[in-house]
């Protein structure tokens, strides 16, 4: 008898004000929960939770909502996301990572940055599912984060949803003029579509080796990710689906012309699922 597992997801969380904006990505995220079994807990690898030289896991039972940005509408700073933490799960994840050779620790006091709470406010607005935040290491590349994600691969079978929260493209310098002008709906330039098209094709075909080497192989890789911390959560989500996976693009839109809001779902292959 087949025992199903939750998929792992990559969410492009976009600008902090996506949570209050009228965009295609925000509308899609508001409907996502209806497409998934309800998880018992959520683990979010956030591009804004950066720790060098190791991995940190939030173990606070009642994390605060951190407004880690400036210059946006006052109402954005009044938003709270009062989901509880899950200290036992956090400490177990840290232990599993250590056992797999990663330097890892549980943090007793760490709040939810907007890479965690902004998409969850849209997807699970009631904040009634425990959440654990997982850091990324900006000094380690895709291979490190893919292997880290593989340590989490069993969580989907335990009804724990693993989300990588980042951005499919993330050149803020190119985005700032449109952001300051409030011009969200702009044509996507070729240097963005060239990169996203290459990534989409490799993800759909499961070409892991090429994806891990995207900075050398993908067209316009550095233009779209001057630094790659916002793409690293994608590799955590890929790894969390197990040794082999089926990748499905769930949503594709853009913000400010140059910020791709593409979202991906990674389902474990049947061979990775006990009882299959």
C-alpha atoms as a PDB file:
ATOM      1  CA  UNK A   1       0.000   0.000   0.000  1.00  0.00           C
ATOM      2  CA  UNK A   2       1.414   3.404  -0.980  1.00  0.00           C
ATOM      3  CA  UNK A   3       2.059   5.821   1.827  1.00  0.00           C
ATOM      4  CA  UNK A   4       1.943   9.378   0.523  1.00  0.00           C
ATOM      5  CA  UNK A   5       4.351  12.095   1.581  1.00  0.00           C
ATOM      6  CA  UNK A   6       3.954  15.836   1.527  1.00  0.00           C
ATOM      7  CA  UNK A   7       5.893  17.543  -1.258  1.00  0.00           C
ATOM      8  CA  UNK A   8       8.633  20.060  -0.579  1.00  0.00           C
ATOM      9  CA  UNK A   9       8.009  23.537  -1.983  1.00  0.00           C
ATOM     10  CA  UNK A  10      10.052  26.429  -3.289  1.00  0.00           C
ATOM     11  CA  UNK A  11       8.258  29.730  -2.774  1.00  0.00           C
ATOM     12  CA  UNK A  12       9.417  33.019  -4.263  1.00  0.00           C
ATOM     13  CA  UNK A  13       8.380  35.350  -1.445  1.00  0.00           C
ATOM     14  CA  UNK A  14       9.095  38.546  -3.379  1.00  0.00           C
ATOM     15  CA  UNK A  15       9.061  42.040  -1.936  1.00  0.00           C
ATOM     16  CA  UNK A  16       7.890  42.240   1.714  1.00  0.00           C
ATOM     17  CA  UNK A  17       4.745  44.084   0.608  1.00  0.00           C
ATOM     18  CA  UNK A  18       3.625  41.105  -1.498  1.00  0.00           C
ATOM     19  CA  UNK A  19       1.648  40.125   1.587  1.00  0.00           C
ATOM     20  CA  UNK A  20      -0.606  43.190   1.140  1.00  0.00           C
ATOM     21  CA  UNK A  21      -0.305  43.607  -2.638  1.00  0.00           C
ATOM     22  CA  UNK A  22      -2.758  42.769  -5.401  1.00  0.00           C
ATOM     23  CA  UNK A  23      -0.472  40.552  -7.480  1.00  0.00           C
ATOM     24  CA  UNK A  24      -0.843  37.223  -9.255  1.00  0.00           C
ATOM     25  CA  UNK A  25       1.677  35.627  -6.908  1.00  0.00           C
ATOM     26  CA  UNK A  26      -0.143  36.813  -3.781  1.00  0.00           C
ATOM     27  CA  UNK A  27      -3.476  35.552  -5.124  1.00  0.00           C
ATOM     28  CA  UNK A  28      -1.931  32.192  -5.944  1.00  0.00           C
ATOM     29  CA  UNK A  29      -0.392  31.821  -2.483  1.00  0.00           C
ATOM     30  CA  UNK A  30      -3.766  32.561  -0.883  1.00  0.00           C
ATOM     31  CA  UNK A  31      -5.159  29.487  -2.631  1.00  0.00           C
ATOM     32  CA  UNK A  32      -2.232  27.130  -2.088  1.00  0.00           C
ATOM     33  CA  UNK A  33      -3.340  25.579   1.207  1.00  0.00           C
ATOM     34  CA  UNK A  34      -6.432  24.137  -0.494  1.00  0.00           C
ATOM     35  CA  UNK A  35      -4.136  22.174  -2.832  1.00  0.00           C
ATOM     36  CA  UNK A  36      -2.208  20.437  -0.026  1.00  0.00           C
ATOM     37  CA  UNK A  37      -2.990  18.109   2.873  1.00  0.00           C
ATOM     38  CA  UNK A  38      -2.870  20.094   6.105  1.00  0.00           C
ATOM     39  CA  UNK A  39       0.620  19.693   7.640  1.00  0.00           C
ATOM     40  CA  UNK A  40       1.200  19.152  11.342  1.00  0.00           C
ATOM     41  CA  UNK A  41       4.237  21.468  11.218  1.00  0.00           C
ATOM     42  CA  UNK A  42       6.154  23.585   8.702  1.00  0.00           C
ATOM     43  CA  UNK A  43       9.910  23.974   8.268  1.00  0.00           C
ATOM     44  CA  UNK A  44      10.977  27.060   6.306  1.00  0.00           C
ATOM     45  CA  UNK A  45      14.509  27.543   4.972  1.00  0.00           C
ATOM     46  CA  UNK A  46      14.581  31.322   4.560  1.00  0.00           C
ATOM     47  CA  UNK A  47      16.974  33.371   2.429  1.00  0.00           C
ATOM     48  CA  UNK A  48      16.837  36.029   5.166  1.00  0.00           C
ATOM     49  CA  UNK A  49      18.032  33.702   7.928  1.00  0.00           C
ATOM     50  CA  UNK A  50      21.739  33.763   7.113  1.00  0.00           C
ATOM     51  CA  UNK A  51      24.275  31.959   9.294  1.00  0.00           C
ATOM     52  CA  UNK A  52      27.875  31.473   8.146  1.00  0.00           C
ATOM     53  CA  UNK A  53      29.800  28.358   9.062  1.00  0.00           C
ATOM     54  CA  UNK A  54      26.862  26.205  10.113  1.00  0.00           C
ATOM     55  CA  UNK A  55      23.102  25.749  10.207  1.00  0.00           C
ATOM     56  CA  UNK A  56      20.763  27.192  12.827  1.00  0.00           C
ATOM     57  CA  UNK A  57      17.272  25.934  13.591  1.00  0.00           C
ATOM     58  CA  UNK A  58      14.772  28.074  15.489  1.00  0.00           C
ATOM     59  CA  UNK A  59      13.646  26.382  18.709  1.00  0.00           C
ATOM     60  CA  UNK A  60      11.711  29.245  20.314  1.00  0.00           C
ATOM     61  CA  UNK A  61       8.239  28.052  21.405  1.00  0.00           C
ATOM     62  CA  UNK A  62       6.741  31.497  20.665  1.00  0.00           C
ATOM     63  CA  UNK A  63       8.817  33.284  17.993  1.00  0.00           C
ATOM     64  CA  UNK A  64       8.286  36.995  17.430  1.00  0.00           C
ATOM     65  CA  UNK A  65       7.429  38.500  14.049  1.00  0.00           C
ATOM     66  CA  UNK A  66      10.473  40.399  12.767  1.00  0.00           C
ATOM     67  CA  UNK A  67       9.944  43.306  10.378  1.00  0.00           C
ATOM     68  CA  UNK A  68      13.391  43.127   8.814  1.00  0.00           C
ATOM     69  CA  UNK A  69      12.953  45.802   6.120  1.00  0.00           C
ATOM     70  CA  UNK A  70      12.426  49.525   5.740  1.00  0.00           C
ATOM     71  CA  UNK A  71      10.590  52.063   3.612  1.00  0.00           C
ATOM     72  CA  UNK A  72       7.283  50.235   3.154  1.00  0.00           C
ATOM     73  CA  UNK A  73       3.682  51.103   4.061  1.00  0.00           C
ATOM     74  CA  UNK A  74       3.031  51.507   7.813  1.00  0.00           C
ATOM     75  CA  UNK A  75       0.402  48.752   7.762  1.00  0.00           C
ATOM     76  CA  UNK A  76       3.086  46.224   6.866  1.00  0.00           C
ATOM     77  CA  UNK A  77       4.840  46.830  10.178  1.00  0.00           C
ATOM     78  CA  UNK A  78       1.644  46.111  12.098  1.00  0.00           C
ATOM     79  CA  UNK A  79       1.298  42.599  10.702  1.00  0.00           C
ATOM     80  CA  UNK A  80       2.016  39.820  13.174  1.00  0.00           C
ATOM     81  CA  UNK A  81       2.294  36.104  12.485  1.00  0.00           C
ATOM     82  CA  UNK A  82       1.802  34.469  15.901  1.00  0.00           C
ATOM     83  CA  UNK A  83       2.384  30.840  14.908  1.00  0.00           C
ATOM     84  CA  UNK A  84       3.989  28.771  17.631  1.00  0.00           C
ATOM     85  CA  UNK A  85       7.379  27.189  17.278  1.00  0.00           C
ATOM     86  CA  UNK A  86       8.079  23.450  17.593  1.00  0.00           C
ATOM     87  CA  UNK A  87      11.144  23.137  19.845  1.00  0.00           C
ATOM     88  CA  UNK A  88      11.183  19.339  19.875  1.00  0.00           C
ATOM     89  CA  UNK A  89      11.174  19.153  16.078  1.00  0.00           C
ATOM     90  CA  UNK A  90      13.813  21.893  15.849  1.00  0.00           C
ATOM     91  CA  UNK A  91      16.184  20.084  18.191  1.00  0.00           C
ATOM     92  CA  UNK A  92      15.655  16.832  16.353  1.00  0.00           C
ATOM     93  CA  UNK A  93      16.474  18.481  13.012  1.00  0.00           C
ATOM     94  CA  UNK A  94      19.624  20.011  14.485  1.00  0.00           C
ATOM     95  CA  UNK A  95      20.621  16.584  15.822  1.00  0.00           C
ATOM     96  CA  UNK A  96      19.956  14.900  12.485  1.00  0.00           C
ATOM     97  CA  UNK A  97      22.071  17.502  10.702  1.00  0.00           C
ATOM     98  CA  UNK A  98      24.925  17.021  13.170  1.00  0.00           C
ATOM     99  CA  UNK A  99      24.729  13.250  12.726  1.00  0.00           C
ATOM    100  CA  UNK A 100      25.013  13.784   8.954  1.00  0.00           C
ATOM    101  CA  UNK A 101      28.192  15.846   9.380  1.00  0.00           C
ATOM    102  CA  UNK A 102      26.768  19.373   9.341  1.00  0.00           C
ATOM    103  CA  UNK A 103      27.631  21.937  12.000  1.00  0.00           C
ATOM    104  CA  UNK A 104      24.172  22.669  13.406  1.00  0.00           C
ATOM    105  CA  UNK A 105      22.581  24.147  16.498  1.00  0.00           C
ATOM    106  CA  UNK A 106      19.120  24.963  17.816  1.00  0.00           C
ATOM    107  CA  UNK A 107      18.464  28.617  18.701  1.00  0.00           C
ATOM    108  CA  UNK A 108      16.238  29.234  21.699  1.00  0.00           C
ATOM    109  CA  UNK A 109      15.557  32.866  20.762  1.00  0.00           C
ATOM    110  CA  UNK A 110      14.989  33.557  17.085  1.00  0.00           C
ATOM    111  CA  UNK A 111      12.003  35.221  15.449  1.00  0.00           C
ATOM    112  CA  UNK A 112      10.375  34.839  12.047  1.00  0.00           C
ATOM    113  CA  UNK A 113      11.935  37.052   9.356  1.00  0.00           C
ATOM    114  CA  UNK A 114       9.758  38.099   6.435  1.00  0.00           C
ATOM    115  CA  UNK A 115      11.049  35.197   4.338  1.00  0.00           C
ATOM    116  CA  UNK A 116       9.152  33.018   6.817  1.00  0.00           C
ATOM    117  CA  UNK A 117       6.094  34.987   7.871  1.00  0.00           C
ATOM    118  CA  UNK A 118       5.192  36.893   4.689  1.00  0.00           C
ATOM    119  CA  UNK A 119       4.435  33.857   2.489  1.00  0.00           C
ATOM    120  CA  UNK A 120       2.908  31.945   5.407  1.00  0.00           C
ATOM    121  CA  UNK A 121       0.593  34.879   6.148  1.00  0.00           C
ATOM    122  CA  UNK A 122      -0.818  34.369   2.655  1.00  0.00           C
ATOM    123  CA  UNK A 123      -0.795  30.559   2.609  1.00  0.00           C
ATOM    124  CA  UNK A 124      -1.845  29.802   6.201  1.00  0.00           C
ATOM    125  CA  UNK A 125      -3.274  33.117   7.469  1.00  0.00           C
ATOM    126  CA  UNK A 126      -4.630  31.659  10.725  1.00  0.00           C
ATOM    127  CA  UNK A 127      -1.065  30.979  11.955  1.00  0.00           C
ATOM    128  CA  UNK A 128      -2.330  27.806  13.614  1.00  0.00           C
ATOM    129  CA  UNK A 129       0.403  25.415  12.414  1.00  0.00           C
ATOM    130  CA  UNK A 130       3.761  25.285  14.285  1.00  0.00           C
ATOM    131  CA  UNK A 131       6.696  26.674  12.320  1.00  0.00           C
ATOM    132  CA  UNK A 132      10.444  26.054  12.505  1.00  0.00           C
ATOM    133  CA  UNK A 133      12.885  28.339  10.649  1.00  0.00           C
ATOM    134  CA  UNK A 134      16.066  26.934   9.108  1.00  0.00           C
ATOM    135  CA  UNK A 135      19.070  29.049   8.141  1.00  0.00           C
ATOM    136  CA  UNK A 136      21.045  29.109   4.920  1.00  0.00           C
ATOM    137  CA  UNK A 137      24.791  29.683   4.678  1.00  0.00           C
ATOM    138  CA  UNK A 138      25.577  32.481   2.185  1.00  0.00           C
ATOM    139  CA  UNK A 139      29.166  31.239   1.913  1.00  0.00           C
ATOM    140  CA  UNK A 140      28.202  27.730   0.825  1.00  0.00           C
ATOM    141  CA  UNK A 141      26.726  26.933  -2.553  1.00  0.00           C
ATOM    142  CA  UNK A 142      23.921  24.840  -4.044  1.00  0.00           C
ATOM    143  CA  UNK A 143      25.564  21.455  -3.416  1.00  0.00           C
ATOM    144  CA  UNK A 144      25.838  22.135   0.330  1.00  0.00           C
ATOM    145  CA  UNK A 145      22.182  23.154   0.560  1.00  0.00           C
ATOM    146  CA  UNK A 146      20.989  20.259  -1.591  1.00  0.00           C
ATOM    147  CA  UNK A 147      22.758  17.810   0.731  1.00  0.00           C
ATOM    148  CA  UNK A 148      21.362  19.656   3.742  1.00  0.00           C
ATOM    149  CA  UNK A 149      17.867  19.305   2.301  1.00  0.00           C
ATOM    150  CA  UNK A 150      18.379  15.567   1.875  1.00  0.00           C
ATOM    151  CA  UNK A 151      18.752  15.256   5.652  1.00  0.00           C
ATOM    152  CA  UNK A 152      15.177  16.574   5.877  1.00  0.00           C
ATOM    153  CA  UNK A 153      13.839  14.106   3.317  1.00  0.00           C
ATOM    154  CA  UNK A 154      11.890  11.997   5.815  1.00  0.00           C
ATOM    155  CA  UNK A 155       9.851  14.911   7.155  1.00  0.00           C
ATOM    156  CA  UNK A 156       7.293  14.840   4.348  1.00  0.00           C
ATOM    157  CA  UNK A 157       6.299  11.299   5.392  1.00  0.00           C
ATOM    158  CA  UNK A 158       5.674  12.661   8.907  1.00  0.00           C
ATOM    159  CA  UNK A 159       3.261  15.298   7.598  1.00  0.00           C
ATOM    160  CA  UNK A 160       5.820  18.086   7.969  1.00  0.00           C
ATOM    161  CA  UNK A 161       5.877  20.567   5.080  1.00  0.00           C
ATOM    162  CA  UNK A 162       9.357  21.748   4.039  1.00  0.00           C
ATOM    163  CA  UNK A 163       9.439  25.106   2.251  1.00  0.00           C
ATOM    164  CA  UNK A 164      12.410  26.858   0.701  1.00  0.00           C
ATOM    165  CA  UNK A 165      11.582  30.577   0.739  1.00  0.00           C
ATOM    166  CA  UNK A 166      13.663  32.751  -1.561  1.00  0.00           C
ATOM    167  CA  UNK A 167      13.383  34.220  -5.054  1.00  0.00           C
ATOM    168  CA  UNK A 168      13.757  32.613  -8.460  1.00  0.00           C
ATOM    169  CA  UNK A 169      15.560  35.784  -9.558  1.00  0.00           C
ATOM    170  CA  UNK A 170      16.887  38.450  -7.202  1.00  0.00           C
ATOM    171  CA  UNK A 171      18.663  41.455  -8.680  1.00  0.00           C
ATOM    172  CA  UNK A 172      17.473  44.201  -6.348  1.00  0.00           C
ATOM    173  CA  UNK A 173      19.537  46.918  -8.025  1.00  0.00           C
ATOM    174  CA  UNK A 174      17.654  46.254 -11.253  1.00  0.00           C
ATOM    175  CA  UNK A 175      14.331  46.091  -9.385  1.00  0.00           C
ATOM    176  CA  UNK A 176      14.672  49.274  -7.290  1.00  0.00           C
ATOM    177  CA  UNK A 177      13.667  51.857  -9.942  1.00  0.00           C
ATOM    178  CA  UNK A 178      10.371  50.066 -10.608  1.00  0.00           C
ATOM    179  CA  UNK A 179       9.879  49.331  -6.914  1.00  0.00           C
ATOM    180  CA  UNK A 180      10.307  52.998  -5.970  1.00  0.00           C
ATOM    181  CA  UNK A 181       7.907  54.008  -8.758  1.00  0.00           C
ATOM    182  CA  UNK A 182       5.387  51.332  -7.795  1.00  0.00           C
ATOM    183  CA  UNK A 183       5.507  49.822 -11.286  1.00  0.00           C
ATOM    184  CA  UNK A 184       4.865  46.146 -10.605  1.00  0.00           C
ATOM    185  CA  UNK A 185       3.553  45.056 -14.026  1.00  0.00           C
ATOM    186  CA  UNK A 186       6.415  45.491 -16.464  1.00  0.00           C
ATOM    187  CA  UNK A 187       7.700  43.430 -19.372  1.00  0.00           C
ATOM    188  CA  UNK A 188      10.233  40.761 -18.427  1.00  0.00           C
ATOM    189  CA  UNK A 189      13.625  41.501 -20.024  1.00  0.00           C
ATOM    190  CA  UNK A 190      15.445  38.823 -22.004  1.00  0.00           C
ATOM    191  CA  UNK A 191      18.236  38.447 -19.458  1.00  0.00           C
ATOM    192  CA  UNK A 192      15.617  37.379 -16.914  1.00  0.00           C
ATOM    193  CA  UNK A 193      13.560  35.100 -19.176  1.00  0.00           C
ATOM    194  CA  UNK A 194      16.740  33.501 -20.531  1.00  0.00           C
ATOM    195  CA  UNK A 195      17.759  32.493 -17.028  1.00  0.00           C
ATOM    196  CA  UNK A 196      14.335  31.351 -15.832  1.00  0.00           C
ATOM    197  CA  UNK A 197      13.752  29.355 -19.011  1.00  0.00           C
ATOM    198  CA  UNK A 198      17.032  27.486 -18.499  1.00  0.00           C
ATOM    199  CA  UNK A 199      16.213  26.790 -14.844  1.00  0.00           C
ATOM    200  CA  UNK A 200      12.642  25.695 -15.646  1.00  0.00           C
ATOM    201  CA  UNK A 201      13.834  23.173 -18.224  1.00  0.00           C
ATOM    202  CA  UNK A 202      16.481  21.633 -15.947  1.00  0.00           C
ATOM    203  CA  UNK A 203      14.097  21.423 -12.998  1.00  0.00           C
ATOM    204  CA  UNK A 204      11.359  19.788 -15.066  1.00  0.00           C
ATOM    205  CA  UNK A 205      13.876  17.242 -16.393  1.00  0.00           C
ATOM    206  CA  UNK A 206      15.484  16.605 -12.993  1.00  0.00           C
ATOM    207  CA  UNK A 207      18.960  17.572 -14.196  1.00  0.00           C
ATOM    208  CA  UNK A 208      20.411  17.953 -10.710  1.00  0.00           C
ATOM    209  CA  UNK A 209      24.079  18.133 -11.722  1.00  0.00           C
ATOM    210  CA  UNK A 210      23.453  21.036 -14.083  1.00  0.00           C
ATOM    211  CA  UNK A 211      21.296  22.829 -11.519  1.00  0.00           C
ATOM    212  CA  UNK A 212      23.979  22.508  -8.852  1.00  0.00           C
ATOM    213  CA  UNK A 213      26.408  24.151 -11.286  1.00  0.00           C
ATOM    214  CA  UNK A 214      23.944  26.834 -12.410  1.00  0.00           C
ATOM    215  CA  UNK A 215      26.329  29.738 -11.819  1.00  0.00           C
ATOM    216  CA  UNK A 216      28.626  28.482 -14.564  1.00  0.00           C
ATOM    217  CA  UNK A 217      26.051  26.888 -16.853  1.00  0.00           C
ATOM    218  CA  UNK A 218      22.912  29.028 -16.786  1.00  0.00           C
ATOM    219  CA  UNK A 219      22.683  32.093 -19.042  1.00  0.00           C
ATOM    220  CA  UNK A 220      22.699  35.386 -17.108  1.00  0.00           C
ATOM    221  CA  UNK A 221      23.125  33.564 -13.791  1.00  0.00           C
ATOM    222  CA  UNK A 222      25.141  36.306 -12.087  1.00  0.00           C
ATOM    223  CA  UNK A 223      22.916  39.059 -13.509  1.00  0.00           C
ATOM    224  CA  UNK A 224      19.875  37.420 -11.913  1.00  0.00           C
ATOM    225  CA  UNK A 225      21.657  36.446  -8.698  1.00  0.00           C
ATOM    226  CA  UNK A 226      24.557  38.812  -7.968  1.00  0.00           C
ATOM    227  CA  UNK A 227      24.712  36.824  -4.732  1.00  0.00           C
ATOM    228  CA  UNK A 228      22.876  33.536  -4.561  1.00  0.00           C
ATOM    229  CA  UNK A 229      21.374  33.451  -1.056  1.00  0.00           C
ATOM    230  CA  UNK A 230      17.851  33.821  -2.499  1.00  0.00           C
ATOM    231  CA  UNK A 231      18.229  30.768  -4.734  1.00  0.00           C
ATOM    232  CA  UNK A 232      19.797  28.505  -2.089  1.00  0.00           C
ATOM    233  CA  UNK A 233      16.405  27.650  -0.492  1.00  0.00           C
ATOM    234  CA  UNK A 234      15.450  26.067  -3.836  1.00  0.00           C
ATOM    235  CA  UNK A 235      18.168  23.472  -3.332  1.00  0.00           C
ATOM    236  CA  UNK A 236      17.022  22.751   0.219  1.00  0.00           C
ATOM    237  CA  UNK A 237      13.541  22.029  -1.148  1.00  0.00           C
ATOM    238  CA  UNK A 238      14.950  19.845  -3.933  1.00  0.00           C
ATOM    239  CA  UNK A 239      16.957  17.808  -1.442  1.00  0.00           C
ATOM    240  CA  UNK A 240      14.030  17.479   0.952  1.00  0.00           C
ATOM    241  CA  UNK A 241      12.125  15.530  -1.714  1.00  0.00           C
ATOM    242  CA  UNK A 242      14.669  12.689  -1.517  1.00  0.00           C
ATOM    243  CA  UNK A 243      17.159  11.042  -3.849  1.00  0.00           C
ATOM    244  CA  UNK A 244      14.805  11.353  -6.808  1.00  0.00           C
ATOM    245  CA  UNK A 245      11.816  13.601  -7.295  1.00  0.00           C
ATOM    246  CA  UNK A 246       9.218  14.858  -9.709  1.00  0.00           C
ATOM    247  CA  UNK A 247       9.348  18.629 -10.120  1.00  0.00           C
ATOM    248  CA  UNK A 248       6.234  20.610 -11.049  1.00  0.00           C
ATOM    249  CA  UNK A 249       6.099  24.333 -11.663  1.00  0.00           C
ATOM    250  CA  UNK A 250       3.105  25.557  -9.680  1.00  0.00           C
ATOM    251  CA  UNK A 251       3.085  29.250 -10.513  1.00  0.00           C
ATOM    252  CA  UNK A 252       4.869  31.663 -12.832  1.00  0.00           C
ATOM    253  CA  UNK A 253       4.579  35.445 -12.718  1.00  0.00           C
ATOM    254  CA  UNK A 254       6.877  38.419 -12.264  1.00  0.00           C
ATOM    255  CA  UNK A 255       7.041  41.521 -10.102  1.00  0.00           C
ATOM    256  CA  UNK A 256       8.699  44.807 -11.118  1.00  0.00           C
ATOM    257  CA  UNK A 257       9.700  43.107 -14.378  1.00  0.00           C
ATOM    258  CA  UNK A 258      12.876  41.513 -13.029  1.00  0.00           C
ATOM    259  CA  UNK A 259      11.766  39.590  -9.924  1.00  0.00           C
ATOM    260  CA  UNK A 260      10.526  36.166 -10.977  1.00  0.00           C
ATOM    261  CA  UNK A 261       7.828  34.844  -8.650  1.00  0.00           C
ATOM    262  CA  UNK A 262       8.095  31.288  -9.975  1.00  0.00           C
ATOM    263  CA  UNK A 263       7.104  28.547  -7.489  1.00  0.00           C
ATOM    264  CA  UNK A 264       8.030  24.862  -7.650  1.00  0.00           C
ATOM    265  CA  UNK A 265       6.779  21.663  -6.052  1.00  0.00           C
ATOM    266  CA  UNK A 266       9.016  18.627  -5.495  1.00  0.00           C
ATOM    267  CA  UNK A 267       7.316  15.279  -4.914  1.00  0.00           C
ATOM    268  CA  UNK A 268       9.341  12.259  -3.752  1.00  0.00           C
ATOM    269  CA  UNK A 269       9.599   9.496  -6.321  1.00  0.00           C
ATOM    270  CA  UNK A 270       7.665   6.327  -5.476  1.00  0.00           C
ATOM    271  CA  UNK A 271      10.897   4.424  -4.870  1.00  0.00           C
ATOM    272  CA  UNK A 272      11.761   6.859  -2.056  1.00  0.00           C
ATOM    273  CA  UNK A 273       8.464   6.267  -0.259  1.00  0.00           C
ATOM    274  CA  UNK A 274       8.279   3.373   2.235  1.00  0.00           C
ATOM    275  CA  UNK A 275       5.438   1.019   1.444  1.00  0.00           C
ATOM    276  CA  UNK A 276       5.409   1.939  -2.226  1.00  0.00           C
END
